[in-house]
C-alpha atoms as a PDB file:
ATOM      1  CA  MET A   1      60.071 158.014  59.164  1.00  0.00           C
ATOM      2  CA  HIS A   2      55.635 158.610  60.331  1.00  0.00           C
ATOM      3  CA  THR A   3      54.317 158.050  62.992  1.00  0.00           C
ATOM      4  CA  SER A   4      51.486 157.010  60.452  1.00  0.00           C
ATOM      5  CA  SER A   5      53.415 155.191  57.692  1.00  0.00           C
ATOM      6  CA  LEU A   6      54.736 152.870  60.683  1.00  0.00           C
ATOM      7  CA  ARG A   7      51.954 152.014  62.434  1.00  0.00           C
ATOM      8  CA  LEU A   8      50.717 150.549  58.617  1.00  0.00           C
ATOM      9  CA  ILE A   9      54.017 148.873  59.166  1.00  0.00           C
ATOM     10  CA  LEU A  10      52.693 147.420  61.927  1.00  0.00           C
ATOM     11  CA  ALA A  11      49.751 146.727  61.176  1.00  0.00           C
ATOM     12  CA  LEU A  12      50.170 144.573  58.061  1.00  0.00           C
ATOM     13  CA  VAL A  13      53.193 142.674  59.667  1.00  0.00           C
ATOM     14  CA  ALA A  14      52.329 139.057  60.493  1.00  0.00           C
ATOM     15  CA  ILE A  15      54.934 135.790  60.638  1.00  0.00           C
ATOM     16  CA  ALA A  16      55.177 132.568  59.272  1.00  0.00           C
ATOM     17  CA  PRO A  17      57.028 130.815  61.975  1.00  0.00           C
ATOM     18  CA  ALA A  18      58.505 127.077  61.002  1.00  0.00           C
ATOM     19  CA  GLY A  19      56.348 124.169  61.527  1.00  0.00           C
ATOM     20  CA  ALA A  20      53.791 125.746  63.828  1.00  0.00           C
ATOM     21  CA  ALA A  21      52.757 127.116  60.306  1.00  0.00           C
ATOM     22  CA  PHE A  22      50.549 123.968  60.030  1.00  0.00           C
ATOM     23  CA  ALA A  23      48.740 124.182  64.019  1.00  0.00           C
ATOM     24  CA  GLN A  24      45.741 121.723  64.505  1.00  0.00           C
ATOM     25  CA  THR A  25      43.854 124.243  66.906  1.00  0.00           C
ATOM     26  CA  PRO A  26      45.732 127.976  66.660  1.00  0.00           C
ATOM     27  CA  ALA A  27      47.286 129.129  69.424  1.00  0.00           C
ATOM     28  CA  PRO A  28      48.149 132.475  70.236  1.00  0.00           C
ATOM     29  CA  GLN A  29      51.601 132.953  68.229  1.00  0.00           C
ATOM     30  CA  PRO A  30      54.847 135.037  70.161  1.00  0.00           C
ATOM     31  CA  ARG A  31      55.284 138.463  68.329  1.00  0.00           C
ATOM     32  CA  PRO A  32      59.115 138.035  66.397  1.00  0.00           C
ATOM     33  CA  GLU A  33      61.410 139.698  68.283  1.00  0.00           C
ATOM     34  CA  VAL A  34      62.027 142.873  65.558  1.00  0.00           C
ATOM     35  CA  LEU A  35      58.836 143.491  66.022  1.00  0.00           C
ATOM     36  CA  ASP A  36      59.020 144.104  69.467  1.00  0.00           C
ATOM     37  CA  ARG A  37      62.246 146.018  68.899  1.00  0.00           C
ATOM     38  CA  VAL A  38      60.220 148.688  66.695  1.00  0.00           C
ATOM     39  CA  VAL A  39      57.100 148.453  69.838  1.00  0.00           C
ATOM     40  CA  ALA A  40      60.083 149.343  72.160  1.00  0.00           C
ATOM     41  CA  CYS A  41      60.714 152.916  70.385  1.00  0.00           C
ATOM     42  CA  ARG A  42      57.663 154.384  72.298  1.00  0.00           C
ATOM     43  CA  GLN A  43      59.001 153.802  75.763  1.00  0.00           C
ATOM     44  CA  VAL A  44      62.011 155.771  74.627  1.00  0.00           C
ATOM     45  CA  THR A  45      61.713 159.819  75.947  1.00  0.00           C
ATOM     46  CA  ALA A  46      63.914 161.151  74.177  1.00  0.00           C
ATOM     47  CA  GLU A  47      63.040 162.523  70.688  1.00  0.00           C
ATOM     48  CA  ALA A  48      66.011 162.141  69.216  1.00  0.00           C
ATOM     49  CA  ALA A  49      66.695 159.399  71.062  1.00  0.00           C
ATOM     50  CA  ARG A  50      63.554 157.875  69.955  1.00  0.00           C
ATOM     51  CA  LEU A  51      63.721 158.561  66.470  1.00  0.00           C
ATOM     52  CA  ALA A  52      67.086 156.975  66.453  1.00  0.00           C
ATOM     53  CA  CYS A  53      65.563 154.387  67.980  1.00  0.00           C
ATOM     54  CA  TYR A  54      62.705 154.170  65.342  1.00  0.00           C
ATOM     55  CA  ASP A  55      65.323 154.063  62.464  1.00  0.00           C
ATOM     56  CA  ALA A  56      67.108 151.838  63.648  1.00  0.00           C
ATOM     57  CA  ALA A  57      65.073 148.994  64.425  1.00  0.00           C
ATOM     58  CA  VAL A  58      62.329 149.672  61.259  1.00  0.00           C
ATOM     59  CA  GLY A  59      65.670 149.062  59.452  1.00  0.00           C
ATOM     60  CA  THR A  60      65.853 145.951  61.146  1.00  0.00           C
ATOM     61  CA  LEU A  61      62.547 144.661  60.195  1.00  0.00           C
ATOM     62  CA  ASP A  62      62.372 145.669  56.374  1.00  0.00           C
ATOM     63  CA  GLN A  63      65.195 144.055  56.680  1.00  0.00           C
ATOM     64  CA  ALA A  64      63.444 141.306  58.182  1.00  0.00           C
ATOM     65  CA  GLN A  65      60.931 141.382  55.234  1.00  0.00           C
ATOM     66  CA  ARG A  66      63.092 141.515  52.974  1.00  0.00           C
ATOM     67  CA  GLN A  67      65.265 138.245  53.354  1.00  0.00           C
ATOM     68  CA  GLY A  68      61.572 137.111  54.623  1.00  0.00           C
ATOM     69  CA  ASP A  69      62.366 135.787  57.970  1.00  0.00           C
ATOM     70  CA  VAL A  70      58.936 138.177  58.631  1.00  0.00           C
ATOM     71  CA  LEU A  71      56.102 138.417  56.360  1.00  0.00           C
ATOM     72  CA  VAL A  72      53.887 141.429  56.405  1.00  0.00           C
ATOM     73  CA  VAL A  73      50.471 140.374  54.876  1.00  0.00           C
ATOM     74  CA  ASP A  74      47.474 142.531  54.611  1.00  0.00           C
ATOM     75  CA  ARG A  75      43.423 141.138  55.269  1.00  0.00           C
ATOM     76  CA  SER A  76      43.225 140.812  50.654  1.00  0.00           C
ATOM     77  CA  GLN A  77      46.548 138.854  50.475  1.00  0.00           C
ATOM     78  CA  VAL A  78      44.905 136.312  52.639  1.00  0.00           C
ATOM     79  CA  ARG A  79      41.676 136.566  50.900  1.00  0.00           C
ATOM     80  CA  GLU A  80      42.600 135.740  48.492  1.00  0.00           C
ATOM     81  CA  ALA A  81      45.258 132.576  50.106  1.00  0.00           C
ATOM     82  CA  ARG A  82      41.606 131.376  51.235  1.00  0.00           C
ATOM     83  CA  ARG A  83      40.028 131.609  47.332  1.00  0.00           C
ATOM     84  CA  GLN A  84      43.636 130.394  46.411  1.00  0.00           C
ATOM     85  CA  LEU A  85      42.685 127.504  48.203  1.00  0.00           C
ATOM     86  CA  PHE A  86      38.492 126.619  47.584  1.00  0.00           C
ATOM     87  CA  GLY A  87      38.347 123.367  47.302  1.00  0.00           C
ATOM     88  CA  PHE A  88      41.640 121.981  48.747  1.00  0.00           C
ATOM     89  CA  SER A  89      41.538 119.993  52.157  1.00  0.00           C
ATOM     90  CA  VAL A  90      44.118 121.413  53.795  1.00  0.00           C
ATOM     91  CA  PRO A  91      44.851 122.166  57.554  1.00  0.00           C
ATOM     92  CA  LYS A  92      44.118 124.986  59.475  1.00  0.00           C
ATOM     93  CA  VAL A  93      46.049 127.665  58.026  1.00  0.00           C
ATOM     94  CA  THR A  94      47.038 129.409  62.094  1.00  0.00           C
ATOM     95  CA  LEU A  95      48.584 132.629  59.861  1.00  0.00           C
ATOM     96  CA  PHE A  96      45.750 133.359  57.690  1.00  0.00           C
ATOM     97  CA  ASP A  97      43.324 133.328  61.092  1.00  0.00           C
ATOM     98  CA  ARG A  98      45.374 135.836  63.231  1.00  0.00           C
ATOM     99  CA  ASP A  99      43.819 138.036  65.224  1.00  0.00           C
ATOM    100  CA  GLU A 100      39.842 137.658  63.793  1.00  0.00           C
ATOM    101  CA  GLN A 101      37.037 135.705  63.692  1.00  0.00           C
ATOM    102  CA  ALA A 102      38.509 133.448  60.737  1.00  0.00           C
ATOM    103  CA  GLU A 103      35.866 134.237  57.597  1.00  0.00           C
ATOM    104  CA  ALA A 104      34.360 130.857  56.537  1.00  0.00           C
ATOM    105  CA  MET A 105      33.784 130.852  52.889  1.00  0.00           C
ATOM    106  CA  ASP A 106      31.669 128.717  51.857  1.00  0.00           C
ATOM    107  CA  SER A 107      31.583 129.111  47.875  1.00  0.00           C
ATOM    108  CA  ILE A 108      32.897 130.752  45.140  1.00  0.00           C
ATOM    109  CA  GLU A 109      31.909 132.516  41.986  1.00  0.00           C
ATOM    110  CA  SER A 110      33.674 133.015  38.327  1.00  0.00           C
ATOM    111  CA  THR A 111      33.222 132.062  34.873  1.00  0.00           C
ATOM    112  CA  LEU A 112      33.989 129.384  32.961  1.00  0.00           C
ATOM    113  CA  VAL A 113      36.982 129.808  30.210  1.00  0.00           C
ATOM    114  CA  ARG A 114      36.473 125.935  29.215  1.00  0.00           C
ATOM    115  CA  ALA A 115      34.539 122.222  29.658  1.00  0.00           C
ATOM    116  CA  GLY A 116      35.262 119.056  28.443  1.00  0.00           C
ATOM    117  CA  GLN A 117      33.624 115.022  29.139  1.00  0.00           C
ATOM    118  CA  ALA A 118      36.573 113.681  30.389  1.00  0.00           C
ATOM    119  CA  GLY A 119      36.638 109.978  31.099  1.00  0.00           C
ATOM    120  CA  GLU A 120      33.414 108.498  32.028  1.00  0.00           C
ATOM    121  CA  ASN A 121      31.361 111.162  30.407  1.00  0.00           C
ATOM    122  CA  LYS A 122      32.467 113.182  33.678  1.00  0.00           C
ATOM    123  CA  TRP A 123      32.654 116.842  32.960  1.00  0.00           C
ATOM    124  CA  VAL A 124      36.648 118.673  33.332  1.00  0.00           C
ATOM    125  CA  PHE A 125      35.885 122.453  33.614  1.00  0.00           C
ATOM    126  CA  THR A 126      38.855 125.235  34.110  1.00  0.00           C
ATOM    127  CA  LEU A 127      37.407 128.558  35.731  1.00  0.00           C
ATOM    128  CA  ALA A 128      38.869 132.409  35.409  1.00  0.00           C
ATOM    129  CA  ASP A 129      40.987 132.112  38.048  1.00  0.00           C
ATOM    130  CA  GLU A 130      42.812 129.187  36.566  1.00  0.00           C
ATOM    131  CA  SER A 131      41.541 126.104  39.156  1.00  0.00           C
ATOM    132  CA  VAL A 132      40.695 122.849  37.481  1.00  0.00           C
ATOM    133  CA  TRP A 133      37.105 121.739  38.211  1.00  0.00           C
ATOM    134  CA  ARG A 134      36.023 117.697  37.609  1.00  0.00           C
ATOM    135  CA  GLN A 135      32.493 116.607  38.123  1.00  0.00           C
ATOM    136  CA  VAL A 136      32.447 112.758  40.935  1.00  0.00           C
ATOM    137  CA  ASP A 137      29.182 112.027  40.435  1.00  0.00           C
ATOM    138  CA  SER A 138      27.309 110.592  37.610  1.00  0.00           C
ATOM    139  CA  GLU A 139      24.101 112.477  36.396  1.00  0.00           C
ATOM    140  CA  ARG A 140      23.448 114.156  32.899  1.00  0.00           C
ATOM    141  CA  VAL A 141      25.138 117.751  32.948  1.00  0.00           C
ATOM    142  CA  ASN A 142      23.150 119.848  30.889  1.00  0.00           C
ATOM    143  CA  PHE A 143      24.205 123.422  30.903  1.00  0.00           C
ATOM    144  CA  ARG A 144      24.922 125.588  28.182  1.00  0.00           C
ATOM    145  CA  ASN A 145      29.272 124.913  27.211  1.00  0.00           C
ATOM    146  CA  ARG A 146      30.411 128.674  27.045  1.00  0.00           C
ATOM    147  CA  PRO A 147      33.520 130.389  27.675  1.00  0.00           C
ATOM    148  CA  GLY A 148      32.287 132.924  29.773  1.00  0.00           C
ATOM    149  CA  GLU A 149      29.037 131.763  31.952  1.00  0.00           C
ATOM    150  CA  ALA A 150      28.800 132.555  35.434  1.00  0.00           C
ATOM    151  CA  VAL A 151      29.542 129.884  38.091  1.00  0.00           C
ATOM    152  CA  ARG A 152      29.737 128.784  41.761  1.00  0.00           C
ATOM    153  CA  ILE A 153      30.340 126.403  43.170  1.00  0.00           C
ATOM    154  CA  ARG A 154      29.065 126.268  46.949  1.00  0.00           C
ATOM    155  CA  ARG A 155      30.302 123.299  49.776  1.00  0.00           C
ATOM    156  CA  ALA A 156      28.170 120.619  50.546  1.00  0.00           C
ATOM    157  CA  ALA A 157      28.017 117.760  52.584  1.00  0.00           C
ATOM    158  CA  LEU A 158      30.527 115.819  54.012  1.00  0.00           C
ATOM    159  CA  GLY A 159      33.351 117.958  52.718  1.00  0.00           C
ATOM    160  CA  SER A 160      31.623 117.334  49.277  1.00  0.00           C
ATOM    161  CA  TYR A 161      30.934 120.687  46.687  1.00  0.00           C
ATOM    162  CA  LEU A 162      27.564 121.478  44.792  1.00  0.00           C
ATOM    163  CA  MET A 163      28.696 123.198  40.552  1.00  0.00           C
ATOM    164  CA  THR A 164      26.343 125.479  39.273  1.00  0.00           C
ATOM    165  CA  VAL A 165      26.905 126.675  36.059  1.00  0.00           C
ATOM    166  CA  GLY A 166      24.589 129.214  34.813  1.00  0.00           C
ATOM    167  CA  SER A 167      20.696 128.475  35.563  1.00  0.00           C
ATOM    168  CA  SER A 168      22.248 124.593  35.352  1.00  0.00           C
ATOM    169  CA  ARG A 169      21.039 122.872  38.110  1.00  0.00           C
ATOM    170  CA  ALA A 170      24.039 121.676  40.345  1.00  0.00           C
ATOM    171  CA  VAL A 171      26.669 119.247  39.639  1.00  0.00           C
ATOM    172  CA  ARG A 172      28.939 117.578  42.239  1.00  0.00           C
ATOM    173  CA  VAL A 173      32.869 118.412  41.881  1.00  0.00           C
ATOM    174  CA  ARG A 174      36.263 117.851  43.813  1.00  0.00           C
ATOM    175  CA  ARG A 175      38.956 120.178  43.324  1.00  0.00           C
ATOM    176  CA  GLN A 176      41.867 119.077  40.263  1.00  0.00           C
END
């Protein structure tokens, strides 16, 4: 295995520890033993022995990843997961914040797929990312109800969200 490939594997490895994934305050997670074995191979001085060590350790790491014991996630996957969870009230997932300052996601942009009025003359919006948002205020909403209209949803006060469709006024919404 090439050193650059090994570095890439090591750079992308993250662990989803059982039971500790939803901690209130992020605590440093210990490195998994299968990754420690790969890293320990750097200490082997004889080239043939070091290569054999890497081959065995990477084989074990690969098997652990295939069995789901080790989760490999890159930053773009973390960003996408954060985006998909935008609007839901979920506990802090330390896996997403590991080794980096958590990116504050204060808004998302998408496009309108459809919108229709539900009970109490409140609108329900379906976006291109398949998320569904329901109007929670009782103000009248005027917007161009056309598929493809630009939509922006941003965080507002007290855990609420405001949606703007095109150039319409902002409407208070909740994720369904």
